[in-house]
Amino acid sequence: MKVMIRRTGAGLSAYVPKKDLEEPIVKLENEDVWGGVVTLKNGWRFILPDLPRDTRLPITVEARKISDQD
């Protein structure tokens, strides 16, 4: 699933165009974001691809949704 990751004044945010949904990222598995699981405020969890630590934001990546709490 395509996910756009960007930095906001409140931290990192994820936008899912297919669902027209933007949520703050509330939990990171890896400090540098890439190659780990992120959890959105709504409970959705995505595995992000391995990218270099200095990858510039905003960026759209192909992420795999692994669960949600709907």
N, C-alpha and C. Protein backbone atom coordinates (compact mmCIF):
# COMPACT_ATOMS: atom_id res chain seq x y z
N MET A 1 0.85 -1.16 0.00
CA MET A 1 0.00 0.00 0.00
C MET A 1 0.91 1.23 0.00
N LYS A 2 0.57 2.21 -0.80
CA LYS A 2 1.33 3.46 -0.84
C LYS A 2 1.05 4.27 0.42
N VAL A 3 2.14 4.76 1.03
CA VAL A 3 2.03 5.58 2.23
C VAL A 3 3.02 6.73 2.10
N MET A 4 2.55 7.95 2.34
CA MET A 4 3.44 9.10 2.32
C MET A 4 3.81 9.42 3.77
N ILE A 5 5.12 9.49 4.03
CA ILE A 5 5.63 9.84 5.35
C ILE A 5 6.12 11.27 5.28
N ARG A 6 5.71 12.08 6.25
CA ARG A 6 6.18 13.46 6.28
C ARG A 6 6.37 13.91 7.72
N ARG A 7 7.13 14.96 7.88
CA ARG A 7 7.38 15.53 9.20
C ARG A 7 6.46 16.75 9.37
N THR A 8 5.78 16.81 10.50
CA THR A 8 4.92 17.95 10.82
C THR A 8 5.46 18.62 12.07
N GLY A 9 4.85 19.69 12.49
CA GLY A 9 5.26 20.35 13.72
C GLY A 9 5.11 19.46 14.95
N ALA A 10 4.21 18.48 14.86
CA ALA A 10 3.96 17.59 15.99
C ALA A 10 4.73 16.27 15.89
N GLY A 11 5.52 16.08 14.84
CA GLY A 11 6.27 14.84 14.67
C GLY A 11 6.04 14.24 13.30
N LEU A 12 6.14 12.93 13.20
CA LEU A 12 5.94 12.26 11.92
C LEU A 12 4.47 11.94 11.69
N SER A 13 4.09 11.96 10.42
CA SER A 13 2.72 11.71 10.03
C SER A 13 2.73 10.78 8.81
N ALA A 14 1.67 9.98 8.68
CA ALA A 14 1.53 9.09 7.53
C ALA A 14 0.21 9.40 6.82
N TYR A 15 0.27 9.52 5.49
CA TYR A 15 -0.92 9.75 4.68
C TYR A 15 -1.09 8.54 3.77
N VAL A 16 -2.29 7.94 3.80
CA VAL A 16 -2.62 6.79 2.97
C VAL A 16 -3.60 7.27 1.91
N PRO A 17 -3.10 7.54 0.66
CA PRO A 17 -3.98 8.10 -0.37
C PRO A 17 -5.18 7.21 -0.70
N LYS A 18 -4.98 5.91 -0.72
CA LYS A 18 -6.06 4.98 -1.08
C LYS A 18 -7.26 5.12 -0.14
N LYS A 19 -7.01 5.48 1.10
CA LYS A 19 -8.07 5.65 2.11
C LYS A 19 -8.34 7.11 2.43
N ASP A 20 -7.58 8.04 1.80
CA ASP A 20 -7.66 9.47 2.09
C ASP A 20 -7.61 9.70 3.60
N LEU A 21 -6.57 9.12 4.21
CA LEU A 21 -6.42 9.13 5.66
C LEU A 21 -5.04 9.65 6.04
N GLU A 22 -5.01 10.61 6.95
CA GLU A 22 -3.73 11.07 7.50
C GLU A 22 -3.79 10.93 9.01
N GLU A 23 -2.77 10.26 9.56
CA GLU A 23 -2.70 10.03 11.00
C GLU A 23 -1.28 10.25 11.49
N PRO A 24 -1.14 10.73 12.72
CA PRO A 24 0.21 10.84 13.29
C PRO A 24 0.79 9.45 13.56
N ILE A 25 2.10 9.35 13.44
CA ILE A 25 2.80 8.12 13.81
C ILE A 25 3.08 8.22 15.30
N VAL A 26 2.56 7.26 16.07
CA VAL A 26 2.68 7.32 17.53
C VAL A 26 3.74 6.37 18.08
N LYS A 27 4.17 5.40 17.27
CA LYS A 27 5.18 4.45 17.75
C LYS A 27 6.07 4.02 16.60
N LEU A 28 7.37 4.01 16.86
CA LEU A 28 8.37 3.59 15.88
C LEU A 28 9.15 2.41 16.41
N GLU A 29 9.31 1.38 15.60
CA GLU A 29 10.16 0.25 16.01
C GLU A 29 11.63 0.66 15.95
N ASN A 30 12.01 1.38 14.89
CA ASN A 30 13.38 1.85 14.71
C ASN A 30 13.41 3.36 14.85
N GLU A 31 14.38 3.85 15.55
CA GLU A 31 14.53 5.29 15.78
C GLU A 31 14.60 6.07 14.47
N ASP A 32 15.23 5.48 13.44
CA ASP A 32 15.37 6.18 12.17
C ASP A 32 14.24 5.90 11.19
N VAL A 33 13.15 5.31 11.64
CA VAL A 33 11.92 5.05 10.88
C VAL A 33 12.04 3.88 9.91
N TRP A 34 13.05 3.86 9.10
CA TRP A 34 13.11 2.93 7.97
C TRP A 34 13.45 1.50 8.38
N GLY A 35 12.74 0.56 7.71
CA GLY A 35 13.02 -0.85 7.92
C GLY A 35 12.36 -1.42 9.15
N GLY A 36 11.38 -0.75 9.67
CA GLY A 36 10.72 -1.24 10.88
C GLY A 36 9.22 -1.02 10.83
N VAL A 37 8.59 -1.34 11.93
CA VAL A 37 7.14 -1.20 12.06
C VAL A 37 6.82 0.17 12.67
N VAL A 38 5.83 0.83 12.08
CA VAL A 38 5.31 2.07 12.66
C VAL A 38 3.84 1.86 12.99
N THR A 39 3.40 2.51 14.06
CA THR A 39 1.99 2.43 14.47
C THR A 39 1.39 3.82 14.36
N LEU A 40 0.23 3.88 13.69
CA LEU A 40 -0.49 5.15 13.55
C LEU A 40 -1.44 5.33 14.73
N LYS A 41 -1.88 6.55 14.93
CA LYS A 41 -2.77 6.87 16.05
C LYS A 41 -4.05 6.04 16.01
N ASN A 42 -4.54 5.69 14.83
CA ASN A 42 -5.77 4.91 14.71
C ASN A 42 -5.54 3.41 14.92
N GLY A 43 -4.29 2.99 15.19
CA GLY A 43 -4.00 1.59 15.46
C GLY A 43 -3.43 0.82 14.28
N TRP A 44 -3.47 1.39 13.08
CA TRP A 44 -2.91 0.70 11.92
C TRP A 44 -1.40 0.57 12.10
N ARG A 45 -0.87 -0.57 11.66
CA ARG A 45 0.58 -0.81 11.73
C ARG A 45 1.09 -1.13 10.33
N PHE A 46 2.23 -0.55 9.99
CA PHE A 46 2.85 -0.75 8.68
C PHE A 46 4.31 -1.13 8.85
N ILE A 47 4.79 -1.99 7.98
CA ILE A 47 6.21 -2.27 7.88
C ILE A 47 6.73 -1.39 6.76
N LEU A 48 7.68 -0.52 7.10
CA LEU A 48 8.27 0.38 6.11
C LEU A 48 9.50 -0.26 5.49
N PRO A 49 9.81 0.10 4.25
CA PRO A 49 10.98 -0.49 3.57
C PRO A 49 12.29 0.01 4.18
N ASP A 50 13.36 -0.74 3.95
CA ASP A 50 14.69 -0.32 4.36
C ASP A 50 15.16 0.79 3.42
N LEU A 51 15.39 1.95 3.97
CA LEU A 51 15.91 3.09 3.22
C LEU A 51 17.05 3.70 4.03
N PRO A 52 17.94 4.46 3.38
CA PRO A 52 19.02 5.11 4.12
C PRO A 52 18.48 6.04 5.20
N ARG A 53 19.19 6.12 6.28
CA ARG A 53 18.78 6.94 7.43
C ARG A 53 18.56 8.41 7.05
N ASP A 54 19.33 8.90 6.07
CA ASP A 54 19.22 10.31 5.68
C ASP A 54 18.22 10.57 4.55
N THR A 55 17.30 9.64 4.31
CA THR A 55 16.28 9.82 3.28
C THR A 55 15.45 11.06 3.61
N ARG A 56 15.27 11.92 2.61
CA ARG A 56 14.55 13.18 2.82
C ARG A 56 13.05 12.96 2.84
N LEU A 57 12.39 13.74 3.68
CA LEU A 57 10.93 13.69 3.78
C LEU A 57 10.36 14.97 3.18
N PRO A 58 9.18 14.97 2.62
CA PRO A 58 8.24 13.85 2.53
C PRO A 58 8.63 12.86 1.44
N ILE A 59 8.18 11.62 1.61
CA ILE A 59 8.44 10.57 0.63
C ILE A 59 7.27 9.60 0.63
N THR A 60 6.95 9.09 -0.56
CA THR A 60 5.92 8.06 -0.69
C THR A 60 6.62 6.73 -0.88
N VAL A 61 6.24 5.75 -0.07
CA VAL A 61 6.85 4.42 -0.10
C VAL A 61 5.78 3.35 -0.21
N GLU A 62 6.19 2.17 -0.59
CA GLU A 62 5.31 1.01 -0.59
C GLU A 62 5.49 0.32 0.76
N ALA A 63 4.46 0.38 1.60
CA ALA A 63 4.50 -0.21 2.94
C ALA A 63 3.49 -1.35 3.02
N ARG A 64 3.75 -2.28 3.92
CA ARG A 64 2.84 -3.41 4.08
C ARG A 64 2.06 -3.24 5.38
N LYS A 65 0.74 -3.21 5.25
CA LYS A 65 -0.12 -3.09 6.43
C LYS A 65 -0.16 -4.45 7.12
N ILE A 66 0.09 -4.45 8.43
CA ILE A 66 0.11 -5.74 9.13
C ILE A 66 -1.02 -5.92 10.13
N SER A 67 -1.63 -4.84 10.58
CA SER A 67 -2.78 -4.99 11.47
C SER A 67 -3.44 -3.64 11.69
N ASP A 68 -4.61 -3.69 12.28
CA ASP A 68 -5.29 -2.47 12.69
C ASP A 68 -6.22 -2.82 13.83
N GLN A 69 -6.76 -1.81 14.46
CA GLN A 69 -7.64 -2.03 15.60
C GLN A 69 -9.04 -1.49 15.33
N ASP A 70 -9.49 -1.56 14.07
CA ASP A 70 -10.83 -1.05 13.73
C ASP A 70 -11.88 -1.94 14.35
